[in-house]
Amino acid sequence: MDTERLLLIVEDDEAFARTLGRSFERRDYQVIHASQAEQVAELLKTHNPAFAVVDLKLAGNASGLACVKQLHARDPEMVIVVLTGYASIATAVEAIKLGARHYLVKPSNTDDIEQAFGRDTGDAGVALTERTTSIKTLEWERIHQTLAETDFNISETARRLGMHRRTLARKLDKQRVK
């Protein structure tokens, strides 16, 4: 299989993954899909993708950051874009440290993702926002920072944050209000 335009999509939402995959296939990419972190290792045994789109939050509170780390360790030249509906500063920083090229917030389309594939340097001209940070946003960022510090161990994160494990699990299941 030609790996020059081979794209791995790591996404647990089957409908979104199928739609995204079809869109990239129309742009002459060959697409493979994993819905769980465990499937990524299996696919890497037989495929060598040049590009990857990784959802940050996978089913069962699994983290896409672990996939980013695995993909980057396999091929440091792979162009990895993290796509998330649960954006935070902490996870954006960790994604880039682990080897992602870009971090996009859903909803993002194929144009946004393909543009991110082509960007290999930062943009010092990005506009600064005047928006103040809410308490909910600060809490969300602290949770994700602690998750990253504990290698996404829910029990240890809850202990460090001084909250019950079930409370943390409920917070992670809720979609953040913007």
N, C-alpha and C. Protein backbone atom coordinates (compact mmCIF):
# COMPACT_ATOMS: atom_id res chain seq x y z
N MET A 1 0.84 -1.19 0.00
CA MET A 1 0.00 0.00 0.00
C MET A 1 0.88 1.24 0.00
N ASP A 2 0.57 2.21 -0.84
CA ASP A 2 1.31 3.46 -0.93
C ASP A 2 1.11 4.25 0.36
N THR A 3 2.19 4.54 1.06
CA THR A 3 2.07 5.23 2.35
C THR A 3 2.17 6.75 2.21
N GLU A 4 2.47 7.25 1.03
CA GLU A 4 2.64 8.68 0.86
C GLU A 4 1.37 9.45 1.21
N ARG A 5 0.20 8.92 0.90
CA ARG A 5 -1.08 9.57 1.17
C ARG A 5 -1.96 8.70 2.07
N LEU A 6 -1.34 7.88 2.91
CA LEU A 6 -2.09 7.02 3.81
C LEU A 6 -2.41 7.78 5.09
N LEU A 7 -3.69 7.82 5.43
CA LEU A 7 -4.19 8.56 6.59
C LEU A 7 -4.82 7.61 7.57
N LEU A 8 -4.42 7.70 8.83
CA LEU A 8 -5.04 6.95 9.92
C LEU A 8 -5.97 7.88 10.67
N ILE A 9 -7.23 7.48 10.80
CA ILE A 9 -8.19 8.23 11.60
C ILE A 9 -8.46 7.43 12.86
N VAL A 10 -8.19 8.04 14.02
CA VAL A 10 -8.46 7.41 15.32
C VAL A 10 -9.64 8.17 15.91
N GLU A 11 -10.82 7.58 15.80
CA GLU A 11 -12.07 8.26 16.17
C GLU A 11 -13.09 7.21 16.58
N ASP A 12 -13.72 7.39 17.76
CA ASP A 12 -14.69 6.41 18.23
C ASP A 12 -16.11 6.68 17.72
N ASP A 13 -16.37 7.84 17.18
CA ASP A 13 -17.67 8.15 16.59
C ASP A 13 -17.64 7.61 15.15
N GLU A 14 -18.25 6.45 14.95
CA GLU A 14 -18.19 5.74 13.67
C GLU A 14 -18.73 6.59 12.52
N ALA A 15 -19.83 7.29 12.74
CA ALA A 15 -20.43 8.10 11.67
C ALA A 15 -19.50 9.24 11.26
N PHE A 16 -18.92 9.91 12.26
CA PHE A 16 -18.00 11.01 11.95
C PHE A 16 -16.75 10.48 11.25
N ALA A 17 -16.23 9.36 11.72
CA ALA A 17 -15.03 8.77 11.11
C ALA A 17 -15.30 8.38 9.66
N ARG A 18 -16.47 7.81 9.40
CA ARG A 18 -16.84 7.40 8.04
C ARG A 18 -16.95 8.63 7.13
N THR A 19 -17.60 9.68 7.62
CA THR A 19 -17.77 10.90 6.84
C THR A 19 -16.42 11.55 6.56
N LEU A 20 -15.59 11.65 7.59
CA LEU A 20 -14.26 12.24 7.43
C LEU A 20 -13.41 11.40 6.47
N GLY A 21 -13.48 10.11 6.61
CA GLY A 21 -12.73 9.21 5.74
C GLY A 21 -13.13 9.37 4.28
N ARG A 22 -14.43 9.41 4.02
CA ARG A 22 -14.90 9.59 2.64
C ARG A 22 -14.42 10.91 2.06
N SER A 23 -14.47 11.94 2.88
CA SER A 23 -14.03 13.26 2.41
C SER A 23 -12.55 13.24 2.03
N PHE A 24 -11.72 12.58 2.84
CA PHE A 24 -10.29 12.49 2.52
C PHE A 24 -10.04 11.57 1.32
N GLU A 25 -10.84 10.53 1.17
CA GLU A 25 -10.69 9.65 0.01
C GLU A 25 -10.97 10.41 -1.29
N ARG A 26 -11.93 11.34 -1.24
CA ARG A 26 -12.20 12.18 -2.42
C ARG A 26 -11.02 13.09 -2.75
N ARG A 27 -10.14 13.29 -1.78
CA ARG A 27 -8.94 14.10 -1.99
C ARG A 27 -7.72 13.22 -2.25
N ASP A 28 -7.95 12.00 -2.63
CA ASP A 28 -6.91 11.04 -3.02
C ASP A 28 -6.05 10.54 -1.86
N TYR A 29 -6.60 10.50 -0.66
CA TYR A 29 -5.93 9.86 0.46
C TYR A 29 -6.44 8.42 0.55
N GLN A 30 -5.59 7.52 1.01
CA GLN A 30 -6.03 6.18 1.38
C GLN A 30 -6.26 6.25 2.88
N VAL A 31 -7.40 5.76 3.34
CA VAL A 31 -7.80 5.94 4.73
C VAL A 31 -7.94 4.60 5.44
N ILE A 32 -7.37 4.53 6.65
CA ILE A 32 -7.60 3.41 7.56
C ILE A 32 -8.15 4.01 8.84
N HIS A 33 -8.89 3.19 9.59
CA HIS A 33 -9.60 3.71 10.76
C HIS A 33 -9.42 2.81 11.97
N ALA A 34 -9.23 3.44 13.12
CA ALA A 34 -9.22 2.74 14.41
C ALA A 34 -10.19 3.47 15.33
N SER A 35 -11.02 2.73 16.02
CA SER A 35 -11.97 3.37 16.93
C SER A 35 -11.51 3.28 18.38
N GLN A 36 -10.47 2.51 18.64
CA GLN A 36 -9.93 2.36 19.98
C GLN A 36 -8.41 2.44 19.94
N ALA A 37 -7.84 2.85 21.06
CA ALA A 37 -6.39 2.97 21.14
C ALA A 37 -5.70 1.62 20.87
N GLU A 38 -6.31 0.54 21.30
CA GLU A 38 -5.72 -0.78 21.12
C GLU A 38 -5.61 -1.16 19.63
N GLN A 39 -6.54 -0.67 18.82
CA GLN A 39 -6.53 -0.99 17.40
C GLN A 39 -5.38 -0.30 16.66
N VAL A 40 -4.91 0.80 17.20
CA VAL A 40 -3.82 1.54 16.55
C VAL A 40 -2.58 0.65 16.44
N ALA A 41 -2.21 -0.01 17.52
CA ALA A 41 -1.03 -0.88 17.51
C ALA A 41 -1.18 -1.99 16.47
N GLU A 42 -2.37 -2.55 16.36
CA GLU A 42 -2.61 -3.61 15.38
C GLU A 42 -2.46 -3.09 13.95
N LEU A 43 -3.01 -1.91 13.68
CA LEU A 43 -2.91 -1.33 12.34
C LEU A 43 -1.47 -0.99 11.97
N LEU A 44 -0.70 -0.56 12.97
CA LEU A 44 0.69 -0.17 12.70
C LEU A 44 1.57 -1.37 12.36
N LYS A 45 1.11 -2.58 12.65
CA LYS A 45 1.87 -3.77 12.28
C LYS A 45 1.89 -3.98 10.78
N THR A 46 0.83 -3.52 10.10
CA THR A 46 0.72 -3.77 8.66
C THR A 46 0.67 -2.49 7.82
N HIS A 47 0.57 -1.33 8.46
CA HIS A 47 0.46 -0.07 7.73
C HIS A 47 1.46 0.94 8.28
N ASN A 48 1.87 1.87 7.42
CA ASN A 48 2.78 2.92 7.82
C ASN A 48 2.21 4.27 7.35
N PRO A 49 1.24 4.81 8.08
CA PRO A 49 0.59 6.04 7.63
C PRO A 49 1.54 7.24 7.70
N ALA A 50 1.34 8.15 6.77
CA ALA A 50 2.10 9.40 6.75
C ALA A 50 1.36 10.48 7.52
N PHE A 51 0.02 10.30 7.67
CA PHE A 51 -0.82 11.29 8.34
C PHE A 51 -1.72 10.58 9.34
N ALA A 52 -2.09 11.32 10.41
CA ALA A 52 -3.04 10.79 11.38
C ALA A 52 -3.90 11.91 11.93
N VAL A 53 -5.18 11.61 12.08
CA VAL A 53 -6.12 12.50 12.77
C VAL A 53 -6.58 11.73 13.99
N VAL A 54 -6.33 12.27 15.17
CA VAL A 54 -6.60 11.56 16.41
C VAL A 54 -7.58 12.35 17.26
N ASP A 55 -8.69 11.71 17.63
CA ASP A 55 -9.65 12.32 18.53
C ASP A 55 -9.05 12.30 19.94
N LEU A 56 -9.20 13.39 20.67
CA LEU A 56 -8.61 13.48 22.01
C LEU A 56 -9.28 12.54 23.00
N LYS A 57 -10.61 12.47 22.96
CA LYS A 57 -11.34 11.66 23.94
C LYS A 57 -11.98 10.49 23.23
N LEU A 58 -11.48 9.31 23.53
CA LEU A 58 -12.01 8.09 22.92
C LEU A 58 -12.96 7.40 23.89
N ALA A 59 -13.66 6.40 23.43
CA ALA A 59 -14.63 5.68 24.25
C ALA A 59 -13.98 5.14 25.53
N GLY A 60 -14.77 5.11 26.59
CA GLY A 60 -14.28 4.59 27.86
C GLY A 60 -13.28 5.49 28.54
N ASN A 61 -13.36 6.79 28.27
CA ASN A 61 -12.44 7.79 28.83
C ASN A 61 -10.99 7.54 28.45
N ALA A 62 -10.77 6.81 27.37
CA ALA A 62 -9.41 6.62 26.88
C ALA A 62 -8.94 7.93 26.25
N SER A 63 -7.65 8.19 26.33
CA SER A 63 -7.11 9.43 25.81
C SER A 63 -6.43 9.23 24.47
N GLY A 64 -6.75 10.11 23.54
CA GLY A 64 -6.08 10.10 22.26
C GLY A 64 -4.61 10.50 22.37
N LEU A 65 -4.24 11.15 23.48
CA LEU A 65 -2.84 11.55 23.66
C LEU A 65 -1.93 10.33 23.73
N ALA A 66 -2.43 9.24 24.28
CA ALA A 66 -1.64 8.01 24.31
C ALA A 66 -1.39 7.52 22.89
N CYS A 67 -2.38 7.69 22.01
CA CYS A 67 -2.22 7.31 20.60
C CYS A 67 -1.20 8.22 19.92
N VAL A 68 -1.25 9.52 20.23
CA VAL A 68 -0.29 10.47 19.66
C VAL A 68 1.12 10.04 20.04
N LYS A 69 1.31 9.71 21.30
CA LYS A 69 2.63 9.28 21.79
C LYS A 69 3.09 8.02 21.05
N GLN A 70 2.18 7.07 20.89
CA GLN A 70 2.50 5.81 20.21
C GLN A 70 2.84 6.06 18.74
N LEU A 71 2.05 6.89 18.07
CA LEU A 71 2.28 7.16 16.64
C LEU A 71 3.59 7.90 16.43
N HIS A 72 3.86 8.88 17.27
CA HIS A 72 5.10 9.66 17.13
C HIS A 72 6.33 8.79 17.41
N ALA A 73 6.21 7.89 18.39
CA ALA A 73 7.33 6.98 18.69
C ALA A 73 7.59 6.06 17.51
N ARG A 74 6.54 5.65 16.82
CA ARG A 74 6.68 4.77 15.65
C ARG A 74 7.33 5.49 14.48
N ASP A 75 6.89 6.74 14.24
CA ASP A 75 7.41 7.50 13.10
C ASP A 75 7.39 8.99 13.43
N PRO A 76 8.53 9.55 13.85
CA PRO A 76 8.58 10.97 14.21
C PRO A 76 8.23 11.92 13.05
N GLU A 77 8.27 11.42 11.82
CA GLU A 77 7.93 12.25 10.66
C GLU A 77 6.44 12.25 10.35
N MET A 78 5.66 11.38 11.01
CA MET A 78 4.23 11.31 10.76
C MET A 78 3.58 12.65 11.14
N VAL A 79 2.70 13.14 10.30
CA VAL A 79 1.99 14.39 10.56
C VAL A 79 0.71 14.05 11.32
N ILE A 80 0.67 14.45 12.59
CA ILE A 80 -0.45 14.10 13.47
C ILE A 80 -1.21 15.35 13.83
N VAL A 81 -2.54 15.29 13.67
CA VAL A 81 -3.42 16.38 14.06
C VAL A 81 -4.39 15.84 15.10
N VAL A 82 -4.47 16.50 16.24
CA VAL A 82 -5.43 16.13 17.28
C VAL A 82 -6.69 16.94 17.06
N LEU A 83 -7.82 16.26 17.11
CA LEU A 83 -9.12 16.87 16.88
C LEU A 83 -9.96 16.63 18.12
N THR A 84 -10.55 17.69 18.69
CA THR A 84 -11.27 17.49 19.94
C THR A 84 -12.45 18.43 20.13
N GLY A 85 -13.43 17.94 20.84
CA GLY A 85 -14.54 18.76 21.30
C GLY A 85 -14.33 19.14 22.76
N TYR A 86 -13.21 18.72 23.34
CA TYR A 86 -12.88 18.94 24.75
C TYR A 86 -11.56 19.69 24.86
N ALA A 87 -11.48 20.81 24.21
CA ALA A 87 -10.22 21.54 24.15
C ALA A 87 -9.85 22.16 25.50
N SER A 88 -8.56 22.13 25.78
CA SER A 88 -8.02 22.83 26.94
C SER A 88 -6.57 23.16 26.64
N ILE A 89 -6.06 24.14 27.33
CA ILE A 89 -4.67 24.53 27.15
C ILE A 89 -3.74 23.37 27.51
N ALA A 90 -4.05 22.70 28.61
CA ALA A 90 -3.20 21.60 29.07
C ALA A 90 -3.09 20.49 28.03
N THR A 91 -4.23 20.09 27.45
CA THR A 91 -4.17 19.00 26.48
C THR A 91 -3.53 19.47 25.17
N ALA A 92 -3.71 20.73 24.81
CA ALA A 92 -3.06 21.25 23.60
C ALA A 92 -1.55 21.21 23.76
N VAL A 93 -1.07 21.66 24.91
CA VAL A 93 0.37 21.66 25.16
C VAL A 93 0.92 20.23 25.15
N GLU A 94 0.21 19.32 25.82
CA GLU A 94 0.67 17.93 25.87
C GLU A 94 0.67 17.29 24.49
N ALA A 95 -0.36 17.57 23.70
CA ALA A 95 -0.43 17.00 22.35
C ALA A 95 0.78 17.41 21.51
N ILE A 96 1.14 18.68 21.59
CA ILE A 96 2.28 19.17 20.82
C ILE A 96 3.58 18.57 21.36
N LYS A 97 3.71 18.49 22.69
CA LYS A 97 4.91 17.88 23.28
C LYS A 97 5.06 16.42 22.86
N LEU A 98 3.93 15.72 22.72
CA LEU A 98 3.96 14.30 22.39
C LEU A 98 4.16 14.03 20.89
N GLY A 99 4.12 15.10 20.09
CA GLY A 99 4.43 14.90 18.68
C GLY A 99 3.36 15.32 17.69
N ALA A 100 2.24 15.86 18.16
CA ALA A 100 1.21 16.32 17.23
C ALA A 100 1.70 17.58 16.51
N ARG A 101 1.33 17.71 15.27
CA ARG A 101 1.68 18.89 14.49
C ARG A 101 0.71 20.03 14.79
N HIS A 102 -0.55 19.66 15.04
CA HIS A 102 -1.58 20.68 15.23
C HIS A 102 -2.68 20.14 16.14
N TYR A 103 -3.46 21.06 16.70
CA TYR A 103 -4.53 20.74 17.64
C TYR A 103 -5.74 21.57 17.21
N LEU A 104 -6.78 20.89 16.76
CA LEU A 104 -7.96 21.59 16.26
C LEU A 104 -9.18 21.27 17.11
N VAL A 105 -10.04 22.27 17.26
CA VAL A 105 -11.26 22.12 18.03
C VAL A 105 -12.40 21.79 17.07
N LYS A 106 -13.23 20.80 17.45
CA LYS A 106 -14.42 20.47 16.66
C LYS A 106 -15.42 21.62 16.81
N PRO A 107 -16.20 21.92 15.84
CA PRO A 107 -16.23 21.27 14.55
C PRO A 107 -15.14 21.80 13.63
N SER A 108 -14.39 20.92 13.08
CA SER A 108 -13.39 21.24 12.05
C SER A 108 -13.70 20.38 10.85
N ASN A 109 -13.45 20.91 9.68
CA ASN A 109 -13.76 20.15 8.47
C ASN A 109 -12.47 19.66 7.80
N THR A 110 -12.64 18.99 6.70
CA THR A 110 -11.50 18.42 5.98
C THR A 110 -10.52 19.50 5.54
N ASP A 111 -11.04 20.66 5.13
CA ASP A 111 -10.16 21.77 4.73
C ASP A 111 -9.27 22.19 5.89
N ASP A 112 -9.86 22.33 7.09
CA ASP A 112 -9.09 22.74 8.28
C ASP A 112 -7.99 21.72 8.58
N ILE A 113 -8.35 20.45 8.51
CA ILE A 113 -7.41 19.39 8.85
C ILE A 113 -6.28 19.33 7.81
N GLU A 114 -6.65 19.39 6.54
CA GLU A 114 -5.63 19.33 5.50
C GLU A 114 -4.70 20.55 5.57
N GLN A 115 -5.26 21.70 5.91
CA GLN A 115 -4.43 22.90 6.09
C GLN A 115 -3.46 22.68 7.25
N ALA A 116 -3.94 22.06 8.33
CA ALA A 116 -3.08 21.77 9.48
C ALA A 116 -1.96 20.79 9.10
N PHE A 117 -2.25 19.84 8.20
CA PHE A 117 -1.21 18.92 7.73
C PHE A 117 -0.06 19.69 7.10
N GLY A 118 -0.38 20.77 6.39
CA GLY A 118 0.63 21.52 5.66
C GLY A 118 1.40 22.53 6.48
N ARG A 119 0.93 22.80 7.69
CA ARG A 119 1.62 23.79 8.52
C ARG A 119 2.68 23.11 9.37
N ASP A 120 3.93 23.48 9.15
CA ASP A 120 5.00 22.86 9.95
C ASP A 120 5.71 23.87 10.84
N THR A 121 5.24 25.12 10.84
CA THR A 121 5.79 26.13 11.74
C THR A 121 4.64 26.85 12.42
N GLY A 122 4.96 27.51 13.49
CA GLY A 122 3.95 28.29 14.21
C GLY A 122 3.67 29.61 13.51
N ASP A 123 2.62 30.28 13.96
CA ASP A 123 2.21 31.55 13.39
C ASP A 123 2.22 32.61 14.48
N ALA A 124 3.25 33.47 14.47
CA ALA A 124 3.36 34.51 15.48
C ALA A 124 2.31 35.60 15.28
N GLY A 125 1.60 35.58 14.17
CA GLY A 125 0.59 36.59 13.89
C GLY A 125 -0.81 36.22 14.35
N VAL A 126 -0.95 35.10 15.07
CA VAL A 126 -2.27 34.70 15.55
C VAL A 126 -2.79 35.77 16.52
N ALA A 127 -4.04 36.16 16.31
CA ALA A 127 -4.64 37.21 17.14
C ALA A 127 -4.81 36.73 18.58
N LEU A 128 -4.50 37.61 19.51
CA LEU A 128 -4.71 37.32 20.92
C LEU A 128 -6.15 37.68 21.27
N THR A 129 -6.76 36.86 22.11
CA THR A 129 -8.15 37.11 22.48
C THR A 129 -8.20 37.87 23.80
N GLU A 130 -9.28 38.59 23.98
CA GLU A 130 -9.50 39.35 25.21
C GLU A 130 -10.45 38.62 26.15
N ARG A 131 -10.83 37.40 25.80
CA ARG A 131 -11.78 36.64 26.59
C ARG A 131 -11.19 36.22 27.93
N THR A 132 -11.93 36.45 29.00
CA THR A 132 -11.47 36.00 30.31
C THR A 132 -11.82 34.52 30.48
N THR A 133 -11.09 33.85 31.32
CA THR A 133 -11.29 32.43 31.54
C THR A 133 -12.30 32.21 32.65
N SER A 134 -13.27 31.32 32.40
CA SER A 134 -14.30 31.03 33.40
C SER A 134 -13.79 30.00 34.40
N ILE A 135 -14.48 29.90 35.53
CA ILE A 135 -14.14 28.90 36.55
C ILE A 135 -14.25 27.49 35.96
N LYS A 136 -15.30 27.25 35.14
CA LYS A 136 -15.47 25.93 34.52
C LYS A 136 -14.30 25.59 33.61
N THR A 137 -13.83 26.57 32.86
CA THR A 137 -12.69 26.35 31.97
C THR A 137 -11.43 26.06 32.78
N LEU A 138 -11.22 26.82 33.83
CA LEU A 138 -10.05 26.57 34.69
C LEU A 138 -10.09 25.18 35.30
N GLU A 139 -11.28 24.77 35.77
CA GLU A 139 -11.43 23.43 36.35
C GLU A 139 -11.12 22.38 35.29
N TRP A 140 -11.68 22.55 34.09
CA TRP A 140 -11.48 21.61 33.00
C TRP A 140 -10.00 21.48 32.65
N GLU A 141 -9.31 22.62 32.58
CA GLU A 141 -7.89 22.60 32.26
C GLU A 141 -7.07 21.94 33.35
N ARG A 142 -7.43 22.19 34.61
CA ARG A 142 -6.71 21.56 35.72
C ARG A 142 -6.90 20.05 35.72
N ILE A 143 -8.12 19.61 35.43
CA ILE A 143 -8.39 18.17 35.35
C ILE A 143 -7.53 17.54 34.26
N HIS A 144 -7.50 18.16 33.08
CA HIS A 144 -6.73 17.59 31.98
C HIS A 144 -5.22 17.66 32.23
N GLN A 145 -4.77 18.69 32.89
CA GLN A 145 -3.35 18.77 33.23
C GLN A 145 -2.98 17.63 34.17
N THR A 146 -3.81 17.40 35.18
CA THR A 146 -3.55 16.32 36.13
C THR A 146 -3.66 14.96 35.46
N LEU A 147 -4.63 14.80 34.56
CA LEU A 147 -4.74 13.55 33.81
C LEU A 147 -3.44 13.27 33.05
N ALA A 148 -2.92 14.27 32.39
CA ALA A 148 -1.68 14.10 31.64
C ALA A 148 -0.52 13.76 32.57
N GLU A 149 -0.47 14.40 33.74
CA GLU A 149 0.61 14.13 34.69
C GLU A 149 0.57 12.70 35.21
N THR A 150 -0.64 12.13 35.31
CA THR A 150 -0.79 10.78 35.85
C THR A 150 -0.89 9.73 34.76
N ASP A 151 -0.52 10.10 33.54
CA ASP A 151 -0.59 9.20 32.39
C ASP A 151 -2.01 8.65 32.22
N PHE A 152 -3.00 9.52 32.46
CA PHE A 152 -4.42 9.26 32.25
C PHE A 152 -4.98 8.16 33.15
N ASN A 153 -4.45 8.09 34.36
CA ASN A 153 -4.96 7.18 35.38
C ASN A 153 -6.06 7.92 36.14
N ILE A 154 -7.31 7.50 35.96
CA ILE A 154 -8.47 8.19 36.55
C ILE A 154 -8.41 8.18 38.08
N SER A 155 -8.09 7.05 38.66
CA SER A 155 -8.07 6.95 40.12
C SER A 155 -7.01 7.87 40.73
N GLU A 156 -5.81 7.87 40.16
CA GLU A 156 -4.74 8.72 40.68
C GLU A 156 -5.06 10.19 40.45
N THR A 157 -5.67 10.52 39.33
CA THR A 157 -6.06 11.91 39.06
C THR A 157 -7.07 12.37 40.09
N ALA A 158 -8.07 11.55 40.37
CA ALA A 158 -9.09 11.90 41.37
C ALA A 158 -8.45 12.10 42.73
N ARG A 159 -7.51 11.23 43.09
CA ARG A 159 -6.83 11.37 44.39
C ARG A 159 -6.08 12.69 44.46
N ARG A 160 -5.33 13.02 43.40
CA ARG A 160 -4.55 14.27 43.39
C ARG A 160 -5.44 15.51 43.41
N LEU A 161 -6.62 15.39 42.81
CA LEU A 161 -7.53 16.54 42.79
C LEU A 161 -8.42 16.61 44.02
N GLY A 162 -8.35 15.57 44.87
CA GLY A 162 -9.15 15.56 46.09
C GLY A 162 -10.63 15.36 45.83
N MET A 163 -10.95 14.56 44.83
CA MET A 163 -12.36 14.30 44.54
C MET A 163 -12.57 12.80 44.39
N HIS A 164 -13.82 12.40 44.52
CA HIS A 164 -14.16 10.99 44.37
C HIS A 164 -13.98 10.59 42.91
N ARG A 165 -13.57 9.37 42.69
CA ARG A 165 -13.32 8.86 41.34
C ARG A 165 -14.57 8.96 40.47
N ARG A 166 -15.75 8.64 41.02
CA ARG A 166 -16.99 8.72 40.24
C ARG A 166 -17.33 10.16 39.86
N THR A 167 -17.02 11.10 40.75
CA THR A 167 -17.26 12.51 40.44
C THR A 167 -16.40 12.93 39.25
N LEU A 168 -15.14 12.53 39.27
CA LEU A 168 -14.25 12.84 38.15
C LEU A 168 -14.75 12.19 36.87
N ALA A 169 -15.17 10.94 36.94
CA ALA A 169 -15.67 10.24 35.76
C ALA A 169 -16.90 10.97 35.19
N ARG A 170 -17.79 11.45 36.06
CA ARG A 170 -18.96 12.21 35.58
C ARG A 170 -18.54 13.49 34.90
N LYS A 171 -17.56 14.19 35.49
CA LYS A 171 -17.08 15.44 34.87
C LYS A 171 -16.47 15.18 33.51
N LEU A 172 -15.77 14.07 33.36
CA LEU A 172 -15.15 13.74 32.07
C LEU A 172 -16.19 13.33 31.03
N ASP A 173 -17.32 12.78 31.49
CA ASP A 173 -18.37 12.38 30.55
C ASP A 173 -19.18 13.56 30.04
N LYS A 174 -19.22 14.64 30.80
CA LYS A 174 -19.99 15.81 30.38
C LYS A 174 -19.25 16.57 29.28
N GLN A 175 -20.02 17.08 28.35
CA GLN A 175 -19.42 17.90 27.30
C GLN A 175 -19.33 19.32 27.82
N ARG A 176 -18.19 19.92 27.66
CA ARG A 176 -17.94 21.26 28.17
C ARG A 176 -18.82 22.28 27.45
N VAL A 177 -19.40 23.21 28.23
CA VAL A 177 -20.20 24.29 27.69
C VAL A 177 -19.27 25.45 27.41
N LYS A 178 -19.37 26.01 26.21
CA LYS A 178 -18.46 27.11 25.83
C LYS A 178 -19.04 28.44 26.19
